Amino acid sequence: MTINALATTAGLPPSSIKNILYGKSKNPKLATIKIICDGLNMPLHEFFNTPEFINLEQEIE
């Protein structure tokens, strides 16, 4: 899926998606992630159920 397609699906500006994907937005709001998940028909818990977030959780402790 392209950045523009994801932006259209989620109803967000393409610049918001680009900033998240390219690391310019280092701490996107949970509400933004929820909007993206809703656009993809993905539950929020599925988005966070990845090795990246599981490992991050261990690093913070």
C-alpha atoms as a PDB file:
ATOM      1  CA  MET A   1       0.000   0.000   0.000  1.00  0.00           C
ATOM      2  CA  THR A   2       1.342   3.418  -0.886  1.00  0.00           C
ATOM      3  CA  ILE A   3       1.602   6.316   1.526  1.00  0.00           C
ATOM      4  CA  ASN A   4      -1.114   8.159  -0.386  1.00  0.00           C
ATOM      5  CA  ALA A   5      -3.410   5.129  -0.349  1.00  0.00           C
ATOM      6  CA  LEU A   6      -2.936   4.705   3.400  1.00  0.00           C
ATOM      7  CA  ALA A   7      -3.533   8.412   3.969  1.00  0.00           C
ATOM      8  CA  THR A   8      -6.735   8.275   1.937  1.00  0.00           C
ATOM      9  CA  THR A   9      -7.916   5.101   3.668  1.00  0.00           C
ATOM     10  CA  ALA A  10      -7.215   6.527   7.118  1.00  0.00           C
ATOM     11  CA  GLY A  11      -8.418  10.024   6.319  1.00  0.00           C
ATOM     12  CA  LEU A  12      -5.111  11.626   7.268  1.00  0.00           C
ATOM     13  CA  PRO A  13      -2.825  13.946   5.329  1.00  0.00           C
ATOM     14  CA  PRO A  14      -0.063  12.081   3.464  1.00  0.00           C
ATOM     15  CA  SER A  15       2.482  14.222   5.317  1.00  0.00           C
ATOM     16  CA  SER A  16       1.349  12.717   8.633  1.00  0.00           C
ATOM     17  CA  ILE A  17       1.908   9.196   7.332  1.00  0.00           C
ATOM     18  CA  LYS A  18       5.288  10.152   5.825  1.00  0.00           C
ATOM     19  CA  ASN A  19       6.441  11.741   9.076  1.00  0.00           C
ATOM     20  CA  ILE A  20       5.621   8.573  11.003  1.00  0.00           C
ATOM     21  CA  LEU A  21       7.158   6.201   8.454  1.00  0.00           C
ATOM     22  CA  TYR A  22      10.362   8.176   7.952  1.00  0.00           C
ATOM     23  CA  GLY A  23      10.940   8.831  11.651  1.00  0.00           C
ATOM     24  CA  LYS A  24      10.356  12.578  11.622  1.00  0.00           C
ATOM     25  CA  SER A  25       7.449  12.058  14.018  1.00  0.00           C
ATOM     26  CA  LYS A  26       9.179  10.143  16.794  1.00  0.00           C
ATOM     27  CA  ASN A  27       6.167  10.016  19.093  1.00  0.00           C
ATOM     28  CA  PRO A  28       2.881   9.920  17.160  1.00  0.00           C
ATOM     29  CA  LYS A  29      -0.249  10.287  19.240  1.00  0.00           C
ATOM     30  CA  LEU A  30      -2.187   7.177  20.094  1.00  0.00           C
ATOM     31  CA  ALA A  31      -5.238   8.804  18.499  1.00  0.00           C
ATOM     32  CA  THR A  32      -3.338   9.013  15.183  1.00  0.00           C
ATOM     33  CA  ILE A  33      -2.367   5.347  15.371  1.00  0.00           C
ATOM     34  CA  LYS A  34      -5.989   4.477  16.180  1.00  0.00           C
ATOM     35  CA  ILE A  35      -7.172   6.402  13.102  1.00  0.00           C
ATOM     36  CA  ILE A  36      -4.701   4.469  10.941  1.00  0.00           C
ATOM     37  CA  CYS A  37      -5.816   1.157  12.461  1.00  0.00           C
ATOM     38  CA  ASP A  38      -9.466   2.036  11.918  1.00  0.00           C
ATOM     39  CA  GLY A  39      -8.725   2.829   8.275  1.00  0.00           C
ATOM     40  CA  LEU A  40      -7.095  -0.579   7.916  1.00  0.00           C
ATOM     41  CA  ASN A  41      -9.867  -2.365   9.852  1.00  0.00           C
ATOM     42  CA  MET A  42      -7.201  -3.494  12.300  1.00  0.00           C
ATOM     43  CA  PRO A  43      -7.751  -3.659  16.055  1.00  0.00           C
ATOM     44  CA  LEU A  44      -5.393  -1.422  17.996  1.00  0.00           C
ATOM     45  CA  HIS A  45      -4.113  -4.353  20.061  1.00  0.00           C
ATOM     46  CA  GLU A  46      -3.038  -6.113  16.845  1.00  0.00           C
ATOM     47  CA  PHE A  47      -0.979  -3.074  15.828  1.00  0.00           C
ATOM     48  CA  PHE A  48       0.931  -3.175  19.110  1.00  0.00           C
ATOM     49  CA  ASN A  49       1.344  -6.964  19.093  1.00  0.00           C
ATOM     50  CA  THR A  50       4.646  -6.914  17.232  1.00  0.00           C
ATOM     51  CA  PRO A  51       8.225  -7.714  18.279  1.00  0.00           C
ATOM     52  CA  GLU A  52       9.101  -4.014  18.070  1.00  0.00           C
ATOM     53  CA  PHE A  53       6.569  -3.064  20.728  1.00  0.00           C
ATOM     54  CA  ILE A  54       7.109  -6.179  22.830  1.00  0.00           C
ATOM     55  CA  ASN A  55      10.856  -5.484  22.939  1.00  0.00           C
ATOM     56  CA  LEU A  56      10.275  -1.786  23.610  1.00  0.00           C
ATOM     57  CA  GLU A  57       8.146  -2.702  26.607  1.00  0.00           C
ATOM     58  CA  GLN A  58      11.019  -4.767  28.022  1.00  0.00           C
ATOM     59  CA  GLU A  59      13.533  -1.967  27.386  1.00  0.00           C
ATOM     60  CA  ILE A  60      11.481   0.569  29.341  1.00  0.00           C
ATOM     61  CA  GLU A  61      11.174  -1.564  32.476  1.00  0.00           C
END
